[in-house]
């Protein structure tokens, strides 16, 4: 019995030694992998901190501009239209809400009969109707709604990001506008404005 126990101890010791030595030979590789991951995370943290600092600086500059506009309006040196650059229009400046509302009465800025509209899953670059990552789905052509697949539209809107592309028929210029989901209250409040 003693011989069996002694032999078992030798086998257990051999297995433990192999396990420990094998682990010890891989420690350098494991350390290097962890070090690379640590450096990547450190770089990400530092770049994020720099971006936050740049955004904070930009926000401070824009707040100073808004404060100056408010001061000029309060002192009567400028009207809201003059302060915001929309002279000749019905302009409301609300610094607390961060809005400038300009009413353009009796002005048609584009011909709705020339407008085309597409939606595409994702975001990206390219021609107006081909931005995004999926196949574009055209909803409007020459100002007229088109028949389209509800399933295809629902699939596009189910994603985390979509591209809405609009051609107004005004020429070759283009602009990109980034936005996000709007809350019910935001839509309700702003639905009272004339657009």
C-alpha atoms as a PDB file:
ATOM      1  CA  UNK A   1       0.000   0.000   0.000  1.00  0.00           C
ATOM      2  CA  UNK A   2       2.875   2.296   0.898  1.00  0.00           C
ATOM      3  CA  UNK A   3       4.490   1.634  -2.517  1.00  0.00           C
ATOM      4  CA  UNK A   4       1.273   2.560  -4.346  1.00  0.00           C
ATOM      5  CA  UNK A   5       0.930   5.791  -2.351  1.00  0.00           C
ATOM      6  CA  UNK A   6       4.602   6.595  -2.969  1.00  0.00           C
ATOM      7  CA  UNK A   7       4.187   5.953  -6.711  1.00  0.00           C
ATOM      8  CA  UNK A   8       1.025   8.089  -6.718  1.00  0.00           C
ATOM      9  CA  UNK A   9       2.881  10.944  -5.036  1.00  0.00           C
ATOM     10  CA  UNK A  10       5.612  10.768  -7.703  1.00  0.00           C
ATOM     11  CA  UNK A  11       3.024  10.868 -10.498  1.00  0.00           C
ATOM     12  CA  UNK A  12       1.189  13.777  -8.820  1.00  0.00           C
ATOM     13  CA  UNK A  13       4.486  15.637  -8.323  1.00  0.00           C
ATOM     14  CA  UNK A  14       5.469  15.043 -11.980  1.00  0.00           C
ATOM     15  CA  UNK A  15       2.097  16.299 -13.232  1.00  0.00           C
ATOM     16  CA  UNK A  16       2.300  19.365 -10.963  1.00  0.00           C
ATOM     17  CA  UNK A  17       5.863  20.090 -12.110  1.00  0.00           C
ATOM     18  CA  UNK A  18       4.924  19.822 -15.804  1.00  0.00           C
ATOM     19  CA  UNK A  19       1.883  22.052 -15.241  1.00  0.00           C
ATOM     20  CA  UNK A  20       3.876  24.663 -13.374  1.00  0.00           C
ATOM     21  CA  UNK A  21       6.805  24.625 -15.796  1.00  0.00           C
ATOM     22  CA  UNK A  22       4.516  24.819 -18.813  1.00  0.00           C
ATOM     23  CA  UNK A  23       2.727  27.779 -17.273  1.00  0.00           C
ATOM     24  CA  UNK A  24       6.035  29.405 -16.424  1.00  0.00           C
ATOM     25  CA  UNK A  25       7.273  29.157 -20.005  1.00  0.00           C
ATOM     26  CA  UNK A  26       4.143  30.931 -21.311  1.00  0.00           C
ATOM     27  CA  UNK A  27       4.249  33.769 -18.794  1.00  0.00           C
ATOM     28  CA  UNK A  28       6.317  35.991 -21.078  1.00  0.00           C
ATOM     29  CA  UNK A  29       3.897  35.586 -23.979  1.00  0.00           C
ATOM     30  CA  UNK A  30       0.907  36.209 -21.707  1.00  0.00           C
ATOM     31  CA  UNK A  31       2.580  39.282 -20.209  1.00  0.00           C
ATOM     32  CA  UNK A  32       3.338  40.697 -23.658  1.00  0.00           C
ATOM     33  CA  UNK A  33      -0.285  40.201 -24.719  1.00  0.00           C
ATOM     34  CA  UNK A  34      -1.570  41.899 -21.587  1.00  0.00           C
ATOM     35  CA  UNK A  35       0.959  44.707 -21.979  1.00  0.00           C
ATOM     36  CA  UNK A  36      -0.159  45.356 -25.580  1.00  0.00           C
ATOM     37  CA  UNK A  37      -3.793  45.441 -24.453  1.00  0.00           C
ATOM     38  CA  UNK A  38      -2.862  47.787 -21.585  1.00  0.00           C
ATOM     39  CA  UNK A  39      -1.046  50.141 -23.982  1.00  0.00           C
ATOM     40  CA  UNK A  40      -4.035  50.140 -26.372  1.00  0.00           C
ATOM     41  CA  UNK A  41      -6.445  50.990 -23.567  1.00  0.00           C
ATOM     42  CA  UNK A  42      -4.078  53.663 -22.241  1.00  0.00           C
ATOM     43  CA  UNK A  43      -3.882  55.248 -25.717  1.00  0.00           C
ATOM     44  CA  UNK A  44      -7.652  55.158 -26.079  1.00  0.00           C
ATOM     45  CA  UNK A  45      -8.082  56.785 -22.668  1.00  0.00           C
ATOM     46  CA  UNK A  46      -5.566  59.529 -23.497  1.00  0.00           C
ATOM     47  CA  UNK A  47      -7.123  60.288 -26.908  1.00  0.00           C
ATOM     48  CA  UNK A  48     -10.577  60.400 -25.319  1.00  0.00           C
ATOM     49  CA  UNK A  49      -9.272  62.815 -22.675  1.00  0.00           C
ATOM     50  CA  UNK A  50      -7.815  65.045 -25.421  1.00  0.00           C
ATOM     51  CA  UNK A  51     -11.106  64.980 -27.328  1.00  0.00           C
ATOM     52  CA  UNK A  52     -13.016  65.883 -24.157  1.00  0.00           C
ATOM     53  CA  UNK A  53     -10.631  68.775 -23.513  1.00  0.00           C
ATOM     54  CA  UNK A  54     -11.043  70.059 -27.091  1.00  0.00           C
ATOM     55  CA  UNK A  55     -14.842  69.805 -26.851  1.00  0.00           C
ATOM     56  CA  UNK A  56     -14.815  71.590 -23.489  1.00  0.00           C
ATOM     57  CA  UNK A  57     -12.761  74.402 -25.010  1.00  0.00           C
ATOM     58  CA  UNK A  58     -15.105  74.656 -28.001  1.00  0.00           C
ATOM     59  CA  UNK A  59     -18.125  74.680 -25.688  1.00  0.00           C
ATOM     60  CA  UNK A  60     -16.587  77.464 -23.573  1.00  0.00           C
ATOM     61  CA  UNK A  61     -15.935  79.569 -26.696  1.00  0.00           C
ATOM     62  CA  UNK A  62     -19.469  79.069 -27.980  1.00  0.00           C
ATOM     63  CA  UNK A  63     -20.943  79.854 -24.561  1.00  0.00           C
ATOM     64  CA  UNK A  64     -18.931  83.090 -24.495  1.00  0.00           C
ATOM     65  CA  UNK A  65     -20.364  83.979 -27.914  1.00  0.00           C
ATOM     66  CA  UNK A  66     -23.918  83.244 -26.744  1.00  0.00           C
ATOM     67  CA  UNK A  67     -23.331  85.302 -23.579  1.00  0.00           C
ATOM     68  CA  UNK A  68     -22.099  88.199 -25.707  1.00  0.00           C
ATOM     69  CA  UNK A  69     -25.152  87.970 -27.984  1.00  0.00           C
ATOM     70  CA  UNK A  70     -27.438  87.922 -24.927  1.00  0.00           C
ATOM     71  CA  UNK A  71     -25.677  90.973 -23.501  1.00  0.00           C
ATOM     72  CA  UNK A  72     -26.008  92.915 -26.754  1.00  0.00           C
ATOM     73  CA  UNK A  73     -29.701  92.048 -27.020  1.00  0.00           C
ATOM     74  CA  UNK A  74     -30.368  92.879 -23.349  1.00  0.00           C
ATOM     75  CA  UNK A  75     -28.626  96.263 -23.667  1.00  0.00           C
ATOM     76  CA  UNK A  76     -30.629  97.044 -26.785  1.00  0.00           C
ATOM     77  CA  UNK A  77     -27.502  97.381 -28.925  1.00  0.00           C
ATOM     78  CA  UNK A  78     -28.789  94.714 -31.301  1.00  0.00           C
ATOM     79  CA  UNK A  79     -32.058  93.043 -32.090  1.00  0.00           C
ATOM     80  CA  UNK A  80     -32.199  89.231 -32.045  1.00  0.00           C
ATOM     81  CA  UNK A  81     -32.211  89.338 -35.854  1.00  0.00           C
ATOM     82  CA  UNK A  82     -29.081  91.513 -35.974  1.00  0.00           C
ATOM     83  CA  UNK A  83     -27.260  89.511 -33.297  1.00  0.00           C
ATOM     84  CA  UNK A  84     -27.858  86.201 -35.048  1.00  0.00           C
ATOM     85  CA  UNK A  85     -27.320  87.417 -38.610  1.00  0.00           C
ATOM     86  CA  UNK A  86     -30.932  86.996 -39.738  1.00  0.00           C
ATOM     87  CA  UNK A  87     -31.846  90.648 -40.271  1.00  0.00           C
ATOM     88  CA  UNK A  88     -35.132  91.176 -42.037  1.00  0.00           C
ATOM     89  CA  UNK A  89     -36.712  87.999 -40.642  1.00  0.00           C
ATOM     90  CA  UNK A  90     -38.870  87.240 -37.615  1.00  0.00           C
ATOM     91  CA  UNK A  91     -36.163  85.920 -35.278  1.00  0.00           C
ATOM     92  CA  UNK A  92     -36.389  84.563 -31.757  1.00  0.00           C
ATOM     93  CA  UNK A  93     -33.207  83.878 -29.784  1.00  0.00           C
ATOM     94  CA  UNK A  94     -33.486  81.563 -26.756  1.00  0.00           C
ATOM     95  CA  UNK A  95     -30.056  81.064 -25.210  1.00  0.00           C
ATOM     96  CA  UNK A  96     -31.410  78.913 -22.384  1.00  0.00           C
ATOM     97  CA  UNK A  97     -32.827  76.404 -24.866  1.00  0.00           C
ATOM     98  CA  UNK A  98     -29.913  76.880 -27.263  1.00  0.00           C
ATOM     99  CA  UNK A  99     -32.191  77.763 -30.172  1.00  0.00           C
ATOM    100  CA  UNK A 100     -32.523  80.422 -32.815  1.00  0.00           C
ATOM    101  CA  UNK A 101     -35.928  80.332 -34.498  1.00  0.00           C
ATOM    102  CA  UNK A 102     -36.263  82.150 -37.812  1.00  0.00           C
ATOM    103  CA  UNK A 103     -39.671  82.433 -39.445  1.00  0.00           C
ATOM    104  CA  UNK A 104     -39.443  82.645 -43.221  1.00  0.00           C
ATOM    105  CA  UNK A 105     -42.943  83.699 -44.172  1.00  0.00           C
ATOM    106  CA  UNK A 106     -44.044  83.275 -47.767  1.00  0.00           C
ATOM    107  CA  UNK A 107     -40.654  81.938 -48.810  1.00  0.00           C
ATOM    108  CA  UNK A 108     -40.264  78.698 -50.700  1.00  0.00           C
ATOM    109  CA  UNK A 109     -36.650  77.646 -50.483  1.00  0.00           C
ATOM    110  CA  UNK A 110     -36.922  74.775 -52.964  1.00  0.00           C
ATOM    111  CA  UNK A 111     -39.401  73.233 -55.379  1.00  0.00           C
ATOM    112  CA  UNK A 112     -40.933  70.202 -53.615  1.00  0.00           C
ATOM    113  CA  UNK A 113     -41.718  68.744 -57.051  1.00  0.00           C
ATOM    114  CA  UNK A 114     -37.973  68.195 -57.591  1.00  0.00           C
ATOM    115  CA  UNK A 115     -37.259  66.493 -54.255  1.00  0.00           C
ATOM    116  CA  UNK A 116     -36.090  62.866 -54.020  1.00  0.00           C
ATOM    117  CA  UNK A 117     -35.686  60.955 -50.747  1.00  0.00           C
ATOM    118  CA  UNK A 118     -33.868  57.710 -49.860  1.00  0.00           C
ATOM    119  CA  UNK A 119     -33.182  55.795 -46.657  1.00  0.00           C
ATOM    120  CA  UNK A 120     -30.243  53.442 -46.170  1.00  0.00           C
ATOM    121  CA  UNK A 121     -29.030  51.315 -43.269  1.00  0.00           C
ATOM    122  CA  UNK A 122     -25.885  52.626 -41.544  1.00  0.00           C
ATOM    123  CA  UNK A 123     -23.874  55.725 -42.323  1.00  0.00           C
ATOM    124  CA  UNK A 124     -21.087  56.371 -44.763  1.00  0.00           C
ATOM    125  CA  UNK A 125     -19.850  58.358 -47.727  1.00  0.00           C
ATOM    126  CA  UNK A 126     -20.779  58.410 -51.351  1.00  0.00           C
ATOM    127  CA  UNK A 127     -23.382  59.900 -53.633  1.00  0.00           C
ATOM    128  CA  UNK A 128     -26.469  61.216 -51.906  1.00  0.00           C
ATOM    129  CA  UNK A 129     -28.591  58.167 -52.634  1.00  0.00           C
ATOM    130  CA  UNK A 130     -25.848  55.563 -52.039  1.00  0.00           C
ATOM    131  CA  UNK A 131     -24.551  56.597 -48.612  1.00  0.00           C
ATOM    132  CA  UNK A 132     -24.838  54.006 -45.900  1.00  0.00           C
ATOM    133  CA  UNK A 133     -24.000  50.322 -45.904  1.00  0.00           C
ATOM    134  CA  UNK A 134     -27.079  48.721 -47.411  1.00  0.00           C
ATOM    135  CA  UNK A 135     -29.165  49.062 -50.500  1.00  0.00           C
ATOM    136  CA  UNK A 136     -30.852  52.474 -50.657  1.00  0.00           C
ATOM    137  CA  UNK A 137     -34.648  52.473 -50.560  1.00  0.00           C
ATOM    138  CA  UNK A 138     -36.169  55.402 -52.451  1.00  0.00           C
ATOM    139  CA  UNK A 139     -39.330  56.707 -50.824  1.00  0.00           C
ATOM    140  CA  UNK A 140     -39.956  59.891 -52.868  1.00  0.00           C
ATOM    141  CA  UNK A 141     -39.214  60.741 -56.520  1.00  0.00           C
ATOM    142  CA  UNK A 142     -39.873  64.201 -57.955  1.00  0.00           C
ATOM    143  CA  UNK A 143     -41.899  65.131 -54.883  1.00  0.00           C
ATOM    144  CA  UNK A 144     -44.206  62.126 -55.166  1.00  0.00           C
ATOM    145  CA  UNK A 145     -44.288  59.236 -52.689  1.00  0.00           C
ATOM    146  CA  UNK A 146     -43.370  55.871 -54.168  1.00  0.00           C
ATOM    147  CA  UNK A 147     -44.710  52.475 -53.245  1.00  0.00           C
ATOM    148  CA  UNK A 148     -42.086  50.546 -51.313  1.00  0.00           C
ATOM    149  CA  UNK A 149     -41.655  47.428 -49.237  1.00  0.00           C
ATOM    150  CA  UNK A 150     -42.700  47.960 -45.608  1.00  0.00           C
ATOM    151  CA  UNK A 151     -40.429  45.042 -44.673  1.00  0.00           C
ATOM    152  CA  UNK A 152     -37.420  46.688 -46.322  1.00  0.00           C
ATOM    153  CA  UNK A 153     -38.155  50.044 -44.645  1.00  0.00           C
ATOM    154  CA  UNK A 154     -38.696  48.396 -41.239  1.00  0.00           C
ATOM    155  CA  UNK A 155     -35.409  46.509 -41.571  1.00  0.00           C
ATOM    156  CA  UNK A 156     -33.567  49.770 -42.266  1.00  0.00           C
ATOM    157  CA  UNK A 157     -35.196  51.588 -39.332  1.00  0.00           C
ATOM    158  CA  UNK A 158     -34.501  48.649 -36.994  1.00  0.00           C
ATOM    159  CA  UNK A 159     -30.740  49.298 -37.186  1.00  0.00           C
ATOM    160  CA  UNK A 160     -28.787  51.514 -34.797  1.00  0.00           C
ATOM    161  CA  UNK A 161     -27.971  54.056 -37.538  1.00  0.00           C
ATOM    162  CA  UNK A 162     -29.667  55.102 -40.747  1.00  0.00           C
ATOM    163  CA  UNK A 163     -28.924  57.553 -43.516  1.00  0.00           C
ATOM    164  CA  UNK A 164     -31.700  59.740 -44.865  1.00  0.00           C
ATOM    165  CA  UNK A 165     -30.628  61.276 -48.176  1.00  0.00           C
ATOM    166  CA  UNK A 166     -32.565  64.088 -49.826  1.00  0.00           C
ATOM    167  CA  UNK A 167     -31.958  65.659 -53.214  1.00  0.00           C
ATOM    168  CA  UNK A 168     -33.661  69.042 -53.466  1.00  0.00           C
ATOM    169  CA  UNK A 169     -32.802  69.714 -57.103  1.00  0.00           C
ATOM    170  CA  UNK A 170     -31.000  72.963 -56.300  1.00  0.00           C
ATOM    171  CA  UNK A 171     -27.600  72.191 -57.822  1.00  0.00           C
ATOM    172  CA  UNK A 172     -24.398  70.392 -56.897  1.00  0.00           C
ATOM    173  CA  UNK A 173     -23.972  71.549 -53.282  1.00  0.00           C
ATOM    174  CA  UNK A 174     -24.330  69.070 -50.462  1.00  0.00           C
ATOM    175  CA  UNK A 175     -24.409  69.090 -46.679  1.00  0.00           C
ATOM    176  CA  UNK A 176     -24.357  66.477 -43.943  1.00  0.00           C
ATOM    177  CA  UNK A 177     -26.525  66.824 -40.847  1.00  0.00           C
ATOM    178  CA  UNK A 178     -26.065  64.520 -37.857  1.00  0.00           C
ATOM    179  CA  UNK A 179     -28.997  64.062 -35.518  1.00  0.00           C
ATOM    180  CA  UNK A 180     -30.382  61.602 -32.992  1.00  0.00           C
ATOM    181  CA  UNK A 181     -33.699  60.241 -31.810  1.00  0.00           C
ATOM    182  CA  UNK A 182     -35.949  63.015 -30.614  1.00  0.00           C
ATOM    183  CA  UNK A 183     -37.937  62.668 -27.415  1.00  0.00           C
ATOM    184  CA  UNK A 184     -41.735  62.934 -27.439  1.00  0.00           C
ATOM    185  CA  UNK A 185     -41.536  66.185 -25.428  1.00  0.00           C
ATOM    186  CA  UNK A 186     -39.070  67.717 -27.877  1.00  0.00           C
ATOM    187  CA  UNK A 187     -41.351  66.937 -30.806  1.00  0.00           C
ATOM    188  CA  UNK A 188     -44.425  68.230 -28.918  1.00  0.00           C
ATOM    189  CA  UNK A 189     -42.774  71.487 -27.915  1.00  0.00           C
ATOM    190  CA  UNK A 190     -41.233  72.195 -31.314  1.00  0.00           C
ATOM    191  CA  UNK A 191     -44.385  71.109 -33.147  1.00  0.00           C
ATOM    192  CA  UNK A 192     -45.958  74.410 -32.099  1.00  0.00           C
ATOM    193  CA  UNK A 193     -43.465  76.443 -34.152  1.00  0.00           C
ATOM    194  CA  UNK A 194     -44.216  77.389 -37.713  1.00  0.00           C
ATOM    195  CA  UNK A 195     -41.738  75.875 -40.123  1.00  0.00           C
END
